[in-house]
Amino acid sequence: MTDSPQEVTRLLAAMNQGDPEALDTLLPIIYDELRRLARHYMRGQPDNHTLQTTALIHEAYLKLAAQPDKQWQNRTHFFAVAAQAMRHVLVDYARSKGAIKHGGQVQKVELEEAAFVSAGQASEVLALDEALTALAAFDPRKSQVVELRYFGGLSIEETAEVLQVSPETVKRDWRLAKLWLARELKQEAADDGS
């Protein structure tokens, strides 16, 4: 089986036409790229995080497979959606850690890279998610640029392709979004400290 962009695009088109086996055929082809995305996400997590790369990939796959209307345009668009699914898995995980901090039950994930996550890191993930949600309400495209670049690891050009804008627009949005988020997170930290 080949992992060429054309093969991935062909399988995505088959999925768009309702082929129920296309995603299962696609997964082995794109698994290494999903692992790269998951590692990119996990780099921002503490060394003692209980959710591991493999679990993140599998949870994101379940989210992708459960989407009722899979209309991925091409390989880049698919990976952007996969990156978004991984972000949601991490946010859900951080929320569950927040519940544990407030009396919930600890549930350790037993896989090859397992360890324990701190409540502080969970709150940072949630703060970033809240800031991105606020940015999306203010400027949806800038929020998408952050998600694709930071969480998805997409290049300027790949992000431009997914969003159907110029690379210069992505560069400008990326720069402004980073400034906006830094201000928002700083303000939130100041509010939490008072």
C-alpha atoms as a PDB file:
ATOM      1  CA  MET A   1       0.000   0.000   0.000  1.00  0.00           C
ATOM      2  CA  THR A   2       1.290   3.457  -0.830  1.00  0.00           C
ATOM      3  CA  ASP A   3       1.130   6.543   1.352  1.00  0.00           C
ATOM      4  CA  SER A   4       1.147   8.941  -1.570  1.00  0.00           C
ATOM      5  CA  PRO A   5      -0.995  12.061  -1.310  1.00  0.00           C
ATOM      6  CA  GLN A   6      -2.951  10.790  -4.329  1.00  0.00           C
ATOM      7  CA  GLU A   7      -3.815   7.495  -2.599  1.00  0.00           C
ATOM      8  CA  VAL A   8      -4.871   9.322   0.548  1.00  0.00           C
ATOM      9  CA  THR A   9      -6.983  11.735  -1.512  1.00  0.00           C
ATOM     10  CA  ARG A  10      -8.543   8.798  -3.402  1.00  0.00           C
ATOM     11  CA  LEU A  11      -9.507   7.102  -0.138  1.00  0.00           C
ATOM     12  CA  LEU A  12     -10.885  10.353   1.249  1.00  0.00           C
ATOM     13  CA  ALA A  13     -13.015  10.724  -1.884  1.00  0.00           C
ATOM     14  CA  ALA A  14     -14.262   7.163  -1.371  1.00  0.00           C
ATOM     15  CA  MET A  15     -15.201   8.072   2.203  1.00  0.00           C
ATOM     16  CA  ASN A  16     -17.027  11.160   0.945  1.00  0.00           C
ATOM     17  CA  GLN A  17     -19.032   8.884  -1.360  1.00  0.00           C
ATOM     18  CA  GLY A  18     -20.051   6.696   1.577  1.00  0.00           C
ATOM     19  CA  ASP A  19     -17.545   3.823   1.383  1.00  0.00           C
ATOM     20  CA  PRO A  20     -17.639   2.519   4.988  1.00  0.00           C
ATOM     21  CA  GLU A  21     -14.314   0.678   4.660  1.00  0.00           C
ATOM     22  CA  ALA A  22     -12.295   3.606   3.314  1.00  0.00           C
ATOM     23  CA  LEU A  23     -11.340   5.015   6.751  1.00  0.00           C
ATOM     24  CA  ASP A  24     -10.197   1.574   7.899  1.00  0.00           C
ATOM     25  CA  THR A  25      -8.084   1.281   4.748  1.00  0.00           C
ATOM     26  CA  LEU A  26      -6.786   4.815   5.221  1.00  0.00           C
ATOM     27  CA  LEU A  27      -5.655   4.436   8.836  1.00  0.00           C
ATOM     28  CA  PRO A  28      -2.639   2.155   8.235  1.00  0.00           C
ATOM     29  CA  ILE A  29      -1.514   4.425   5.411  1.00  0.00           C
ATOM     30  CA  ILE A  30      -1.603   7.604   7.470  1.00  0.00           C
ATOM     31  CA  TYR A  31      -0.774   6.162  10.901  1.00  0.00           C
ATOM     32  CA  ASP A  32       2.825   7.461  10.931  1.00  0.00           C
ATOM     33  CA  GLU A  33       1.635  10.979  10.164  1.00  0.00           C
ATOM     34  CA  LEU A  34      -1.006  10.724  12.897  1.00  0.00           C
ATOM     35  CA  ARG A  35       1.741   9.585  15.277  1.00  0.00           C
ATOM     36  CA  ARG A  36       3.813  12.636  14.311  1.00  0.00           C
ATOM     37  CA  LEU A  37       0.845  14.889  15.024  1.00  0.00           C
ATOM     38  CA  ALA A  38       0.199  13.149  18.341  1.00  0.00           C
ATOM     39  CA  ARG A  39       3.849  13.487  19.348  1.00  0.00           C
ATOM     40  CA  HIS A  40       3.661  17.172  18.457  1.00  0.00           C
ATOM     41  CA  TYR A  41       0.664  17.532  20.782  1.00  0.00           C
ATOM     42  CA  MET A  42       2.262  15.501  23.544  1.00  0.00           C
ATOM     43  CA  ARG A  43       5.470  17.576  23.430  1.00  0.00           C
ATOM     44  CA  GLY A  44       3.598  20.303  25.267  1.00  0.00           C
ATOM     45  CA  GLN A  45       2.518  17.928  28.014  1.00  0.00           C
ATOM     46  CA  PRO A  46       4.540  17.133  31.136  1.00  0.00           C
ATOM     47  CA  ASP A  47       6.773  14.052  31.188  1.00  0.00           C
ATOM     48  CA  ASN A  48       4.473  12.441  33.743  1.00  0.00           C
ATOM     49  CA  HIS A  49       1.300  12.596  31.594  1.00  0.00           C
ATOM     50  CA  THR A  50      -0.911   9.482  31.782  1.00  0.00           C
ATOM     51  CA  LEU A  51      -2.318   9.900  28.280  1.00  0.00           C
ATOM     52  CA  GLN A  52       0.202   8.680  25.746  1.00  0.00           C
ATOM     53  CA  THR A  53       0.764   9.122  22.061  1.00  0.00           C
ATOM     54  CA  THR A  54      -0.830   5.786  21.129  1.00  0.00           C
ATOM     55  CA  ALA A  55      -3.934   6.454  23.214  1.00  0.00           C
ATOM     56  CA  LEU A  56      -4.224   9.949  21.734  1.00  0.00           C
ATOM     57  CA  ILE A  57      -4.087   8.552  18.185  1.00  0.00           C
ATOM     58  CA  HIS A  58      -6.721   5.934  18.945  1.00  0.00           C
ATOM     59  CA  GLU A  59      -9.065   8.390  20.683  1.00  0.00           C
ATOM     60  CA  ALA A  60      -8.718  10.823  17.777  1.00  0.00           C
ATOM     61  CA  TYR A  61      -9.404   7.978  15.314  1.00  0.00           C
ATOM     62  CA  LEU A  62     -12.623   7.147  17.175  1.00  0.00           C
ATOM     63  CA  LYS A  63     -13.682  10.800  16.941  1.00  0.00           C
ATOM     64  CA  LEU A  64     -12.896  10.866  13.213  1.00  0.00           C
ATOM     65  CA  ALA A  65     -14.737   7.615  12.551  1.00  0.00           C
ATOM     66  CA  ALA A  66     -17.790   8.827  14.506  1.00  0.00           C
ATOM     67  CA  GLN A  67     -18.223  11.990  12.435  1.00  0.00           C
ATOM     68  CA  PRO A  68     -21.511  11.604  10.579  1.00  0.00           C
ATOM     69  CA  ASP A  69     -20.598  13.769   7.573  1.00  0.00           C
ATOM     70  CA  LYS A  70     -16.987  13.120   6.604  1.00  0.00           C
ATOM     71  CA  GLN A  71     -16.245  15.531   3.761  1.00  0.00           C
ATOM     72  CA  TRP A  72     -12.471  15.860   3.783  1.00  0.00           C
ATOM     73  CA  GLN A  73     -11.215  17.697   0.715  1.00  0.00           C
ATOM     74  CA  ASN A  74      -7.709  16.241   0.593  1.00  0.00           C
ATOM     75  CA  ARG A  75      -4.827  14.888   2.657  1.00  0.00           C
ATOM     76  CA  THR A  76      -3.990  18.254   4.242  1.00  0.00           C
ATOM     77  CA  HIS A  77      -7.614  18.882   5.193  1.00  0.00           C
ATOM     78  CA  PHE A  78      -7.844  15.413   6.754  1.00  0.00           C
ATOM     79  CA  PHE A  79      -4.762  16.039   8.908  1.00  0.00           C
ATOM     80  CA  ALA A  80      -6.164  19.399   9.971  1.00  0.00           C
ATOM     81  CA  VAL A  81      -9.348  17.665  11.143  1.00  0.00           C
ATOM     82  CA  ALA A  82      -7.254  14.967  12.841  1.00  0.00           C
ATOM     83  CA  ALA A  83      -5.271  17.669  14.654  1.00  0.00           C
ATOM     84  CA  GLN A  84      -8.517  19.230  15.830  1.00  0.00           C
ATOM     85  CA  ALA A  85      -9.732  15.840  17.073  1.00  0.00           C
ATOM     86  CA  MET A  86      -6.487  15.377  19.029  1.00  0.00           C
ATOM     87  CA  ARG A  87      -6.880  18.812  20.585  1.00  0.00           C
ATOM     88  CA  HIS A  88     -10.394  17.877  21.714  1.00  0.00           C
ATOM     89  CA  VAL A  89      -9.140  14.618  23.221  1.00  0.00           C
ATOM     90  CA  LEU A  90      -6.496  16.511  25.214  1.00  0.00           C
ATOM     91  CA  VAL A  91      -9.042  19.087  26.389  1.00  0.00           C
ATOM     92  CA  ASP A  92     -11.484  16.352  27.427  1.00  0.00           C
ATOM     93  CA  TYR A  93      -8.638  14.632  29.250  1.00  0.00           C
ATOM     94  CA  ALA A  94      -7.655  17.866  31.005  1.00  0.00           C
ATOM     95  CA  ARG A  95     -11.277  18.435  32.029  1.00  0.00           C
ATOM     96  CA  SER A  96     -11.442  14.944  33.490  1.00  0.00           C
ATOM     97  CA  LYS A  97      -8.233  15.694  35.414  1.00  0.00           C
ATOM     98  CA  GLY A  98      -9.911  18.829  36.759  1.00  0.00           C
ATOM     99  CA  ALA A  99     -12.801  16.673  37.942  1.00  0.00           C
ATOM    100  CA  ILE A 100     -10.323  14.288  39.585  1.00  0.00           C
ATOM    101  CA  LYS A 101      -8.697  17.210  41.352  1.00  0.00           C
ATOM    102  CA  HIS A 102     -12.096  18.035  42.805  1.00  0.00           C
ATOM    103  CA  GLY A 103     -12.903  14.555  44.101  1.00  0.00           C
ATOM    104  CA  GLY A 104     -13.244  12.312  41.059  1.00  0.00           C
ATOM    105  CA  GLN A 105     -11.605   8.919  40.705  1.00  0.00           C
ATOM    106  CA  VAL A 106      -8.101   8.537  39.271  1.00  0.00           C
ATOM    107  CA  GLN A 107      -8.069   6.369  36.174  1.00  0.00           C
ATOM    108  CA  LYS A 108      -4.561   5.500  34.982  1.00  0.00           C
ATOM    109  CA  VAL A 109      -4.076   4.713  31.306  1.00  0.00           C
ATOM    110  CA  GLU A 110      -1.768   1.689  30.976  1.00  0.00           C
ATOM    111  CA  LEU A 111       0.166   1.940  27.723  1.00  0.00           C
ATOM    112  CA  GLU A 112       3.834   2.100  26.705  1.00  0.00           C
ATOM    113  CA  GLU A 113       4.469   5.747  27.610  1.00  0.00           C
ATOM    114  CA  ALA A 114       2.202   6.074  30.697  1.00  0.00           C
ATOM    115  CA  ALA A 115       2.813   8.384  33.642  1.00  0.00           C
ATOM    116  CA  PHE A 116       0.836  10.827  35.800  1.00  0.00           C
ATOM    117  CA  VAL A 117      -0.449  14.303  34.766  1.00  0.00           C
ATOM    118  CA  SER A 118      -0.352  17.303  37.081  1.00  0.00           C
ATOM    119  CA  ALA A 119      -3.460  19.333  37.827  1.00  0.00           C
ATOM    120  CA  GLY A 120      -1.492  22.460  36.923  1.00  0.00           C
ATOM    121  CA  GLN A 121      -0.831  21.216  33.386  1.00  0.00           C
ATOM    122  CA  ALA A 122      -4.489  20.284  32.984  1.00  0.00           C
ATOM    123  CA  SER A 123      -5.466  23.836  33.927  1.00  0.00           C
ATOM    124  CA  GLU A 124      -3.002  25.225  31.341  1.00  0.00           C
ATOM    125  CA  VAL A 125      -4.567  23.073  28.599  1.00  0.00           C
ATOM    126  CA  LEU A 126      -8.016  24.261  29.636  1.00  0.00           C
ATOM    127  CA  ALA A 127      -6.891  27.912  29.773  1.00  0.00           C
ATOM    128  CA  LEU A 128      -5.493  27.653  26.244  1.00  0.00           C
ATOM    129  CA  ASP A 129      -8.687  25.984  25.040  1.00  0.00           C
ATOM    130  CA  GLU A 130     -10.813  28.746  26.606  1.00  0.00           C
ATOM    131  CA  ALA A 131      -8.597  31.409  25.028  1.00  0.00           C
ATOM    132  CA  LEU A 132      -8.846  29.720  21.612  1.00  0.00           C
ATOM    133  CA  THR A 133     -12.626  29.487  21.994  1.00  0.00           C
ATOM    134  CA  ALA A 134     -12.741  33.216  22.800  1.00  0.00           C
ATOM    135  CA  LEU A 135     -10.516  33.939  19.797  1.00  0.00           C
ATOM    136  CA  ALA A 136     -12.815  31.818  17.589  1.00  0.00           C
ATOM    137  CA  ALA A 137     -15.793  33.928  18.694  1.00  0.00           C
ATOM    138  CA  PHE A 138     -13.842  37.093  17.872  1.00  0.00           C
ATOM    139  CA  ASP A 139     -12.027  35.888  14.721  1.00  0.00           C
ATOM    140  CA  PRO A 140     -12.661  32.280  13.630  1.00  0.00           C
ATOM    141  CA  ARG A 141      -9.934  32.199  10.977  1.00  0.00           C
ATOM    142  CA  LYS A 142      -7.204  33.276  13.380  1.00  0.00           C
ATOM    143  CA  SER A 143      -8.311  30.539  15.775  1.00  0.00           C
ATOM    144  CA  GLN A 144      -8.122  28.003  12.945  1.00  0.00           C
ATOM    145  CA  VAL A 145      -4.641  29.220  12.019  1.00  0.00           C
ATOM    146  CA  VAL A 146      -3.461  28.618  15.599  1.00  0.00           C
ATOM    147  CA  GLU A 147      -5.066  25.197  15.702  1.00  0.00           C
ATOM    148  CA  LEU A 148      -3.545  24.126  12.396  1.00  0.00           C
ATOM    149  CA  ARG A 149      -0.087  25.611  12.987  1.00  0.00           C
ATOM    150  CA  TYR A 150       0.399  24.992  16.697  1.00  0.00           C
ATOM    151  CA  PHE A 151      -1.609  21.855  17.308  1.00  0.00           C
ATOM    152  CA  GLY A 152      -1.543  20.340  13.834  1.00  0.00           C
ATOM    153  CA  GLY A 153       2.042  21.211  13.027  1.00  0.00           C
ATOM    154  CA  LEU A 154       1.048  22.354   9.541  1.00  0.00           C
ATOM    155  CA  SER A 155       3.327  24.682   7.620  1.00  0.00           C
ATOM    156  CA  ILE A 156       2.299  28.162   6.503  1.00  0.00           C
ATOM    157  CA  GLU A 157       1.618  26.800   3.014  1.00  0.00           C
ATOM    158  CA  GLU A 158      -0.401  23.793   4.239  1.00  0.00           C
ATOM    159  CA  THR A 159      -2.447  26.040   6.512  1.00  0.00           C
ATOM    160  CA  ALA A 160      -3.089  28.417   3.598  1.00  0.00           C
ATOM    161  CA  GLU A 161      -4.243  25.459   1.488  1.00  0.00           C
ATOM    162  CA  VAL A 162      -6.679  24.213   4.142  1.00  0.00           C
ATOM    163  CA  LEU A 163      -8.112  27.682   4.799  1.00  0.00           C
ATOM    164  CA  GLN A 164      -8.012  28.661   1.110  1.00  0.00           C
ATOM    165  CA  VAL A 165      -6.169  31.921   1.780  1.00  0.00           C
ATOM    166  CA  SER A 166      -2.739  33.199   0.824  1.00  0.00           C
ATOM    167  CA  PRO A 167       0.391  32.280   2.797  1.00  0.00           C
ATOM    168  CA  GLU A 168       0.814  35.996   3.614  1.00  0.00           C
ATOM    169  CA  THR A 169      -2.651  36.019   5.201  1.00  0.00           C
ATOM    170  CA  VAL A 170      -1.706  32.997   7.303  1.00  0.00           C
ATOM    171  CA  LYS A 171       1.524  34.680   8.427  1.00  0.00           C
ATOM    172  CA  ARG A 172      -0.365  37.826   9.426  1.00  0.00           C
ATOM    173  CA  ASP A 173      -3.127  35.864  11.202  1.00  0.00           C
ATOM    174  CA  TRP A 174      -0.548  33.694  12.988  1.00  0.00           C
ATOM    175  CA  ARG A 175       1.368  36.722  14.253  1.00  0.00           C
ATOM    176  CA  LEU A 176      -1.763  38.567  15.436  1.00  0.00           C
ATOM    177  CA  ALA A 177      -3.321  35.454  16.974  1.00  0.00           C
ATOM    178  CA  LYS A 178      -0.186  34.736  19.011  1.00  0.00           C
ATOM    179  CA  LEU A 179      -0.227  38.303  20.354  1.00  0.00           C
ATOM    180  CA  TRP A 180      -3.942  38.097  21.147  1.00  0.00           C
ATOM    181  CA  LEU A 181      -3.594  34.737  22.910  1.00  0.00           C
ATOM    182  CA  ALA A 182      -0.566  35.869  24.917  1.00  0.00           C
ATOM    183  CA  ARG A 183      -2.525  38.866  26.160  1.00  0.00           C
ATOM    184  CA  GLU A 184      -5.586  36.734  26.918  1.00  0.00           C
ATOM    185  CA  LEU A 185      -3.607  34.081  28.815  1.00  0.00           C
ATOM    186  CA  LYS A 186      -1.681  36.741  30.745  1.00  0.00           C
ATOM    187  CA  GLN A 187      -4.957  38.411  31.736  1.00  0.00           C
ATOM    188  CA  GLU A 188      -6.447  35.055  32.782  1.00  0.00           C
ATOM    189  CA  ALA A 189      -3.369  34.256  34.882  1.00  0.00           C
ATOM    190  CA  ALA A 190      -3.604  37.696  36.536  1.00  0.00           C
ATOM    191  CA  ASP A 191      -7.324  37.140  37.249  1.00  0.00           C
ATOM    192  CA  ASP A 192      -6.587  33.709  38.763  1.00  0.00           C
ATOM    193  CA  GLY A 193      -3.818  35.183  40.916  1.00  0.00           C
ATOM    194  CA  SER A 194      -5.996  37.894  42.438  1.00  0.00           C
END
